[in-house]
Amino acid sequence: MALPGGQIIVTDELAELAQTADALAGVLAHEIAHVELRHGIRRLARVAGLSAVVMLMTGDVSSMTHDMGVLGAGLLDLGYSRGFESEADARGAALMRQSNRDPETLAVLLEKLSERSASGGPSWLSSHPRTEERAQRIREGR
């Protein structure tokens, strides 16, 4: 994962799942794209802005109305987050191509990760687009 300050964290489990240097390069390219595109900072600013709007609308940080507003703001942010993931996938695949690596390795690794985590929840509650869509876009060069 890419942190707002630009640091990238790769877990031992992910490195093991990647199995090849190219697959790991795909994940790093995706995370580098998040840093290049300033997704972490932009998301923090959006969440802060949404929270401020909710507080101004409800006028009371401790009320049930405020809690419901925060929940709604969180759901709005999920769509924004899915957009960031799609952008990072596209830029990561482009970085892979620029370094003469096959973006297919990133698509395959995303599918492996999806099989491991299979949440089964509705896609509109996810912070990431559906894996099938992500893999297809990477394979099509979008």
N, C-alpha and C. Protein backbone atom coordinates (compact mmCIF):
# COMPACT_ATOMS: atom_id res chain seq x y z
N MET A 1 0.84 -1.18 0.00
CA MET A 1 0.00 0.00 0.00
C MET A 1 0.88 1.24 0.00
N ALA A 2 0.38 2.31 -0.59
CA ALA A 2 1.09 3.58 -0.64
C ALA A 2 0.51 4.50 0.43
N LEU A 3 1.37 5.06 1.25
CA LEU A 3 0.94 5.99 2.30
C LEU A 3 0.94 7.41 1.75
N PRO A 4 0.17 8.31 2.35
CA PRO A 4 0.07 9.68 1.84
C PRO A 4 1.42 10.39 1.68
N GLY A 5 2.41 10.05 2.47
CA GLY A 5 3.71 10.70 2.37
C GLY A 5 4.60 10.13 1.28
N GLY A 6 4.15 9.09 0.58
CA GLY A 6 4.93 8.52 -0.51
C GLY A 6 5.61 7.21 -0.19
N GLN A 7 5.56 6.78 1.07
CA GLN A 7 6.16 5.49 1.41
C GLN A 7 5.27 4.37 0.88
N ILE A 8 5.92 3.28 0.46
CA ILE A 8 5.19 2.12 -0.05
C ILE A 8 5.51 0.93 0.83
N ILE A 9 4.47 0.24 1.26
CA ILE A 9 4.64 -0.92 2.13
C ILE A 9 4.25 -2.17 1.35
N VAL A 10 5.15 -3.15 1.34
CA VAL A 10 4.89 -4.45 0.73
C VAL A 10 5.01 -5.49 1.83
N THR A 11 3.98 -6.28 2.03
CA THR A 11 4.01 -7.30 3.08
C THR A 11 4.76 -8.54 2.59
N ASP A 12 5.25 -9.32 3.54
CA ASP A 12 5.91 -10.59 3.20
C ASP A 12 4.93 -11.51 2.47
N GLU A 13 3.67 -11.51 2.91
CA GLU A 13 2.66 -12.36 2.29
C GLU A 13 2.46 -12.00 0.81
N LEU A 14 2.45 -10.70 0.51
CA LEU A 14 2.28 -10.26 -0.87
C LEU A 14 3.51 -10.65 -1.71
N ALA A 15 4.69 -10.44 -1.17
CA ALA A 15 5.91 -10.81 -1.89
C ALA A 15 5.93 -12.31 -2.20
N GLU A 16 5.48 -13.11 -1.25
CA GLU A 16 5.42 -14.55 -1.46
C GLU A 16 4.37 -14.91 -2.52
N LEU A 17 3.23 -14.26 -2.48
CA LEU A 17 2.16 -14.51 -3.44
C LEU A 17 2.60 -14.11 -4.85
N ALA A 18 3.38 -13.04 -4.96
CA ALA A 18 3.83 -12.55 -6.27
C ALA A 18 4.68 -13.60 -7.00
N GLN A 19 5.53 -14.29 -6.31
CA GLN A 19 6.37 -15.37 -6.83
C GLN A 19 7.44 -14.94 -7.82
N THR A 20 7.22 -13.89 -8.62
CA THR A 20 8.23 -13.47 -9.59
C THR A 20 8.55 -11.98 -9.39
N ALA A 21 9.70 -11.60 -9.88
CA ALA A 21 10.11 -10.20 -9.81
C ALA A 21 9.16 -9.32 -10.62
N ASP A 22 8.69 -9.83 -11.77
CA ASP A 22 7.78 -9.04 -12.60
C ASP A 22 6.43 -8.81 -11.92
N ALA A 23 5.92 -9.82 -11.24
CA ALA A 23 4.65 -9.65 -10.53
C ALA A 23 4.80 -8.63 -9.41
N LEU A 24 5.90 -8.70 -8.69
CA LEU A 24 6.15 -7.73 -7.63
C LEU A 24 6.34 -6.33 -8.22
N ALA A 25 7.01 -6.26 -9.38
CA ALA A 25 7.17 -4.97 -10.06
C ALA A 25 5.81 -4.38 -10.43
N GLY A 26 4.86 -5.24 -10.80
CA GLY A 26 3.52 -4.76 -11.13
C GLY A 26 2.83 -4.11 -9.95
N VAL A 27 2.94 -4.75 -8.79
CA VAL A 27 2.35 -4.17 -7.58
C VAL A 27 3.03 -2.85 -7.25
N LEU A 28 4.35 -2.82 -7.33
CA LEU A 28 5.08 -1.59 -7.03
C LEU A 28 4.71 -0.49 -8.03
N ALA A 29 4.55 -0.84 -9.30
CA ALA A 29 4.15 0.15 -10.31
C ALA A 29 2.78 0.73 -9.97
N HIS A 30 1.85 -0.12 -9.54
CA HIS A 30 0.51 0.34 -9.14
C HIS A 30 0.62 1.30 -7.95
N GLU A 31 1.41 0.94 -6.96
CA GLU A 31 1.55 1.79 -5.77
C GLU A 31 2.31 3.08 -6.09
N ILE A 32 3.32 2.99 -6.95
CA ILE A 32 4.04 4.20 -7.39
C ILE A 32 3.07 5.15 -8.08
N ALA A 33 2.15 4.60 -8.86
CA ALA A 33 1.14 5.42 -9.53
C ALA A 33 0.29 6.17 -8.50
N HIS A 34 -0.09 5.49 -7.40
CA HIS A 34 -0.85 6.19 -6.34
C HIS A 34 -0.04 7.39 -5.82
N VAL A 35 1.26 7.19 -5.63
CA VAL A 35 2.11 8.28 -5.12
C VAL A 35 2.22 9.39 -6.16
N GLU A 36 2.53 9.03 -7.41
CA GLU A 36 2.65 10.03 -8.49
C GLU A 36 1.39 10.88 -8.63
N LEU A 37 0.25 10.21 -8.54
CA LEU A 37 -1.04 10.88 -8.74
C LEU A 37 -1.59 11.52 -7.45
N ARG A 38 -0.81 11.40 -6.38
CA ARG A 38 -1.14 12.02 -5.08
C ARG A 38 -2.49 11.58 -4.53
N HIS A 39 -2.81 10.31 -4.74
CA HIS A 39 -4.10 9.80 -4.28
C HIS A 39 -4.26 9.84 -2.77
N GLY A 40 -3.20 9.54 -2.02
CA GLY A 40 -3.31 9.54 -0.56
C GLY A 40 -3.66 10.91 -0.02
N ILE A 41 -2.96 11.93 -0.48
CA ILE A 41 -3.20 13.30 -0.03
C ILE A 41 -4.58 13.77 -0.49
N ARG A 42 -4.92 13.47 -1.73
CA ARG A 42 -6.22 13.89 -2.26
C ARG A 42 -7.36 13.22 -1.50
N ARG A 43 -7.18 11.96 -1.13
CA ARG A 43 -8.23 11.26 -0.38
C ARG A 43 -8.37 11.85 1.02
N LEU A 44 -7.25 12.13 1.68
CA LEU A 44 -7.32 12.76 3.01
C LEU A 44 -8.05 14.10 2.94
N ALA A 45 -7.75 14.89 1.92
CA ALA A 45 -8.40 16.20 1.77
C ALA A 45 -9.89 16.02 1.53
N ARG A 46 -10.25 15.02 0.72
CA ARG A 46 -11.67 14.79 0.44
C ARG A 46 -12.41 14.36 1.70
N VAL A 47 -11.83 13.44 2.45
CA VAL A 47 -12.48 12.97 3.69
C VAL A 47 -12.63 14.13 4.67
N ALA A 48 -11.59 14.95 4.79
CA ALA A 48 -11.67 16.11 5.70
C ALA A 48 -12.77 17.06 5.25
N GLY A 49 -12.84 17.31 3.95
CA GLY A 49 -13.88 18.20 3.42
C GLY A 49 -15.28 17.65 3.63
N LEU A 50 -15.46 16.35 3.35
CA LEU A 50 -16.77 15.73 3.56
C LEU A 50 -17.16 15.78 5.03
N SER A 51 -16.21 15.53 5.91
CA SER A 51 -16.49 15.58 7.35
C SER A 51 -16.90 16.98 7.78
N ALA A 52 -16.23 18.00 7.24
CA ALA A 52 -16.56 19.38 7.59
C ALA A 52 -17.98 19.73 7.12
N VAL A 53 -18.33 19.29 5.92
CA VAL A 53 -19.68 19.55 5.40
C VAL A 53 -20.73 18.88 6.28
N VAL A 54 -20.48 17.63 6.67
CA VAL A 54 -21.43 16.91 7.53
C VAL A 54 -21.58 17.65 8.85
N MET A 55 -20.47 18.09 9.43
CA MET A 55 -20.53 18.79 10.71
C MET A 55 -21.32 20.10 10.57
N LEU A 56 -21.10 20.83 9.48
CA LEU A 56 -21.83 22.08 9.27
C LEU A 56 -23.32 21.83 9.06
N MET A 57 -23.65 20.74 8.37
CA MET A 57 -25.06 20.44 8.10
C MET A 57 -25.79 19.97 9.35
N THR A 58 -25.13 19.18 10.19
CA THR A 58 -25.80 18.62 11.36
C THR A 58 -25.62 19.49 12.59
N GLY A 59 -24.53 20.22 12.64
CA GLY A 59 -24.30 21.14 13.75
C GLY A 59 -23.92 20.49 15.06
N ASP A 60 -23.86 19.17 15.10
CA ASP A 60 -23.55 18.49 16.36
C ASP A 60 -22.74 17.24 16.06
N VAL A 61 -21.51 17.26 16.50
CA VAL A 61 -20.59 16.15 16.21
C VAL A 61 -21.00 14.87 16.94
N SER A 62 -21.75 14.96 18.02
CA SER A 62 -22.06 13.78 18.82
C SER A 62 -23.43 13.16 18.51
N SER A 63 -24.19 13.75 17.61
CA SER A 63 -25.56 13.28 17.39
C SER A 63 -25.63 12.10 16.42
N MET A 64 -26.76 11.41 16.48
CA MET A 64 -27.03 10.30 15.55
C MET A 64 -27.07 10.83 14.12
N THR A 65 -27.60 12.03 13.93
CA THR A 65 -27.65 12.63 12.60
C THR A 65 -26.25 12.77 12.04
N HIS A 66 -25.33 13.21 12.87
CA HIS A 66 -23.94 13.36 12.44
C HIS A 66 -23.37 12.00 12.05
N ASP A 67 -23.63 10.99 12.87
CA ASP A 67 -23.12 9.65 12.58
C ASP A 67 -23.64 9.15 11.23
N MET A 68 -24.90 9.37 10.97
CA MET A 68 -25.48 8.96 9.69
C MET A 68 -24.86 9.74 8.53
N GLY A 69 -24.60 11.01 8.76
CA GLY A 69 -23.95 11.84 7.73
C GLY A 69 -22.55 11.36 7.42
N VAL A 70 -21.82 11.00 8.47
CA VAL A 70 -20.46 10.49 8.29
C VAL A 70 -20.50 9.17 7.51
N LEU A 71 -21.47 8.32 7.83
CA LEU A 71 -21.62 7.06 7.10
C LEU A 71 -21.89 7.34 5.62
N GLY A 72 -22.78 8.28 5.34
CA GLY A 72 -23.07 8.64 3.95
C GLY A 72 -21.85 9.21 3.25
N ALA A 73 -21.09 10.05 3.95
CA ALA A 73 -19.87 10.61 3.36
C ALA A 73 -18.87 9.50 3.07
N GLY A 74 -18.80 8.53 3.96
CA GLY A 74 -17.90 7.39 3.74
C GLY A 74 -18.28 6.60 2.51
N LEU A 75 -19.58 6.40 2.31
CA LEU A 75 -20.05 5.69 1.11
C LEU A 75 -19.74 6.48 -0.16
N LEU A 76 -19.88 7.81 -0.10
CA LEU A 76 -19.51 8.63 -1.24
C LEU A 76 -18.02 8.51 -1.55
N ASP A 77 -17.21 8.42 -0.51
CA ASP A 77 -15.77 8.32 -0.70
C ASP A 77 -15.36 7.00 -1.35
N LEU A 78 -16.14 5.94 -1.16
CA LEU A 78 -15.79 4.66 -1.76
C LEU A 78 -15.74 4.76 -3.28
N GLY A 79 -16.69 5.47 -3.88
CA GLY A 79 -16.69 5.66 -5.33
C GLY A 79 -15.46 6.41 -5.78
N TYR A 80 -15.07 7.41 -5.03
CA TYR A 80 -13.88 8.19 -5.32
C TYR A 80 -12.65 7.28 -5.26
N SER A 81 -12.59 6.43 -4.25
CA SER A 81 -11.49 5.51 -4.07
C SER A 81 -11.39 4.52 -5.24
N ARG A 82 -12.53 4.03 -5.71
CA ARG A 82 -12.53 3.11 -6.86
C ARG A 82 -11.94 3.80 -8.09
N GLY A 83 -12.22 5.08 -8.25
CA GLY A 83 -11.64 5.85 -9.36
C GLY A 83 -10.13 5.92 -9.24
N PHE A 84 -9.63 6.14 -8.02
CA PHE A 84 -8.19 6.17 -7.80
C PHE A 84 -7.56 4.82 -8.15
N GLU A 85 -8.21 3.74 -7.77
CA GLU A 85 -7.67 2.41 -8.06
C GLU A 85 -7.59 2.17 -9.57
N SER A 86 -8.61 2.59 -10.29
CA SER A 86 -8.59 2.43 -11.75
C SER A 86 -7.47 3.25 -12.37
N GLU A 87 -7.29 4.48 -11.89
CA GLU A 87 -6.19 5.32 -12.39
C GLU A 87 -4.83 4.68 -12.10
N ALA A 88 -4.67 4.16 -10.89
CA ALA A 88 -3.40 3.54 -10.50
C ALA A 88 -3.14 2.27 -11.31
N ASP A 89 -4.20 1.51 -11.61
CA ASP A 89 -4.03 0.33 -12.45
C ASP A 89 -3.52 0.72 -13.84
N ALA A 90 -4.16 1.74 -14.44
CA ALA A 90 -3.78 2.17 -15.79
C ALA A 90 -2.34 2.70 -15.80
N ARG A 91 -2.01 3.54 -14.85
CA ARG A 91 -0.66 4.11 -14.80
C ARG A 91 0.36 3.02 -14.47
N GLY A 92 0.02 2.11 -13.56
CA GLY A 92 0.92 1.01 -13.22
C GLY A 92 1.21 0.13 -14.42
N ALA A 93 0.16 -0.17 -15.21
CA ALA A 93 0.35 -0.98 -16.42
C ALA A 93 1.23 -0.24 -17.43
N ALA A 94 1.04 1.08 -17.54
CA ALA A 94 1.88 1.88 -18.44
C ALA A 94 3.34 1.85 -17.98
N LEU A 95 3.56 1.97 -16.67
CA LEU A 95 4.93 1.90 -16.14
C LEU A 95 5.55 0.54 -16.43
N MET A 96 4.74 -0.51 -16.33
CA MET A 96 5.23 -1.86 -16.65
C MET A 96 5.68 -1.92 -18.12
N ARG A 97 4.86 -1.41 -19.01
CA ARG A 97 5.20 -1.44 -20.44
C ARG A 97 6.47 -0.62 -20.71
N GLN A 98 6.58 0.55 -20.04
CA GLN A 98 7.76 1.40 -20.24
C GLN A 98 9.04 0.72 -19.79
N SER A 99 8.93 -0.18 -18.83
CA SER A 99 10.11 -0.89 -18.33
C SER A 99 10.25 -2.28 -18.97
N ASN A 100 9.56 -2.46 -20.11
CA ASN A 100 9.62 -3.73 -20.87
C ASN A 100 9.20 -4.93 -20.04
N ARG A 101 8.18 -4.74 -19.19
CA ARG A 101 7.61 -5.83 -18.41
C ARG A 101 6.16 -6.01 -18.85
N ASP A 102 5.67 -7.21 -18.72
CA ASP A 102 4.32 -7.54 -19.16
C ASP A 102 3.31 -7.22 -18.06
N PRO A 103 2.38 -6.29 -18.32
CA PRO A 103 1.36 -5.96 -17.32
C PRO A 103 0.46 -7.14 -16.96
N GLU A 104 0.48 -8.18 -17.77
CA GLU A 104 -0.30 -9.39 -17.48
C GLU A 104 0.03 -9.92 -16.09
N THR A 105 1.29 -9.77 -15.67
CA THR A 105 1.67 -10.28 -14.35
C THR A 105 0.91 -9.55 -13.24
N LEU A 106 0.63 -8.26 -13.44
CA LEU A 106 -0.16 -7.51 -12.47
C LEU A 106 -1.60 -8.01 -12.47
N ALA A 107 -2.17 -8.24 -13.66
CA ALA A 107 -3.55 -8.73 -13.74
C ALA A 107 -3.68 -10.09 -13.04
N VAL A 108 -2.73 -10.97 -13.27
CA VAL A 108 -2.75 -12.30 -12.65
C VAL A 108 -2.63 -12.19 -11.14
N LEU A 109 -1.75 -11.31 -10.67
CA LEU A 109 -1.59 -11.16 -9.22
C LEU A 109 -2.85 -10.58 -8.58
N LEU A 110 -3.51 -9.65 -9.24
CA LEU A 110 -4.78 -9.12 -8.73
C LEU A 110 -5.81 -10.24 -8.59
N GLU A 111 -5.84 -11.14 -9.57
CA GLU A 111 -6.78 -12.26 -9.51
C GLU A 111 -6.43 -13.20 -8.35
N LYS A 112 -5.15 -13.44 -8.13
CA LYS A 112 -4.73 -14.28 -7.00
C LYS A 112 -5.14 -13.64 -5.68
N LEU A 113 -4.91 -12.33 -5.57
CA LEU A 113 -5.29 -11.62 -4.34
C LEU A 113 -6.80 -11.69 -4.11
N SER A 114 -7.56 -11.56 -5.19
CA SER A 114 -9.01 -11.62 -5.09
C SER A 114 -9.47 -12.99 -4.61
N GLU A 115 -8.86 -14.04 -5.13
CA GLU A 115 -9.21 -15.40 -4.71
C GLU A 115 -8.94 -15.60 -3.22
N ARG A 116 -7.86 -15.01 -2.74
CA ARG A 116 -7.50 -15.16 -1.32
C ARG A 116 -8.44 -14.41 -0.40
N SER A 117 -8.90 -13.24 -0.85
CA SER A 117 -9.67 -12.38 0.06
C SER A 117 -11.17 -12.49 -0.13
N ALA A 118 -11.64 -12.98 -1.25
CA ALA A 118 -13.07 -13.13 -1.58
C ALA A 118 -14.02 -12.70 -0.48
N SER A 119 -14.28 -11.38 -0.42
CA SER A 119 -15.15 -10.81 0.62
C SER A 119 -16.61 -11.15 0.39
N GLY A 120 -17.01 -11.20 -0.87
CA GLY A 120 -18.40 -11.55 -1.18
C GLY A 120 -19.39 -10.43 -0.94
N GLY A 121 -18.95 -9.26 -0.51
CA GLY A 121 -19.85 -8.14 -0.28
C GLY A 121 -20.23 -7.46 -1.58
N PRO A 122 -21.24 -6.59 -1.53
CA PRO A 122 -21.64 -5.88 -2.74
C PRO A 122 -20.53 -4.97 -3.24
N SER A 123 -20.40 -4.86 -4.57
CA SER A 123 -19.30 -4.07 -5.15
C SER A 123 -19.39 -2.60 -4.79
N TRP A 124 -20.61 -2.07 -4.55
CA TRP A 124 -20.73 -0.66 -4.22
C TRP A 124 -20.21 -0.34 -2.82
N LEU A 125 -19.95 -1.38 -2.01
CA LEU A 125 -19.36 -1.17 -0.69
C LEU A 125 -17.85 -1.36 -0.69
N SER A 126 -17.28 -1.63 -1.85
CA SER A 126 -15.85 -1.88 -1.94
C SER A 126 -15.09 -0.61 -2.28
N SER A 127 -13.86 -0.51 -1.76
CA SER A 127 -13.00 0.62 -2.10
C SER A 127 -12.25 0.39 -3.40
N HIS A 128 -12.37 -0.83 -3.97
CA HIS A 128 -11.70 -1.18 -5.21
C HIS A 128 -12.74 -1.63 -6.25
N PRO A 129 -12.46 -1.38 -7.53
CA PRO A 129 -13.35 -1.92 -8.56
C PRO A 129 -13.30 -3.45 -8.55
N ARG A 130 -14.26 -4.10 -9.20
CA ARG A 130 -14.26 -5.55 -9.28
C ARG A 130 -12.98 -6.04 -9.95
N THR A 131 -12.40 -7.09 -9.43
CA THR A 131 -11.12 -7.60 -9.93
C THR A 131 -11.21 -7.97 -11.40
N GLU A 132 -12.32 -8.56 -11.81
CA GLU A 132 -12.47 -8.95 -13.22
C GLU A 132 -12.34 -7.74 -14.13
N GLU A 133 -12.97 -6.63 -13.74
CA GLU A 133 -12.90 -5.40 -14.53
C GLU A 133 -11.48 -4.86 -14.54
N ARG A 134 -10.83 -4.86 -13.39
CA ARG A 134 -9.46 -4.35 -13.31
C ARG A 134 -8.52 -5.16 -14.20
N ALA A 135 -8.59 -6.47 -14.10
CA ALA A 135 -7.71 -7.34 -14.89
C ALA A 135 -7.98 -7.14 -16.39
N GLN A 136 -9.25 -7.04 -16.76
CA GLN A 136 -9.58 -6.86 -18.17
C GLN A 136 -9.02 -5.54 -18.70
N ARG A 137 -9.18 -4.46 -17.94
CA ARG A 137 -8.66 -3.14 -18.37
C ARG A 137 -7.14 -3.18 -18.52
N ILE A 138 -6.47 -3.83 -17.58
CA ILE A 138 -5.00 -3.94 -17.67
C ILE A 138 -4.62 -4.71 -18.93
N ARG A 139 -5.31 -5.79 -19.19
CA ARG A 139 -5.00 -6.63 -20.37
C ARG A 139 -5.30 -5.89 -21.67
N GLU A 140 -6.30 -5.01 -21.65
CA GLU A 140 -6.66 -4.26 -22.86
C GLU A 140 -5.82 -3.00 -23.03
N GLY A 141 -5.01 -2.70 -22.03
CA GLY A 141 -4.16 -1.50 -22.12
C GLY A 141 -4.87 -0.21 -21.81
N ARG A 142 -5.97 -0.29 -21.01
CA ARG A 142 -6.71 0.93 -20.64
C ARG A 142 -6.36 1.33 -19.23
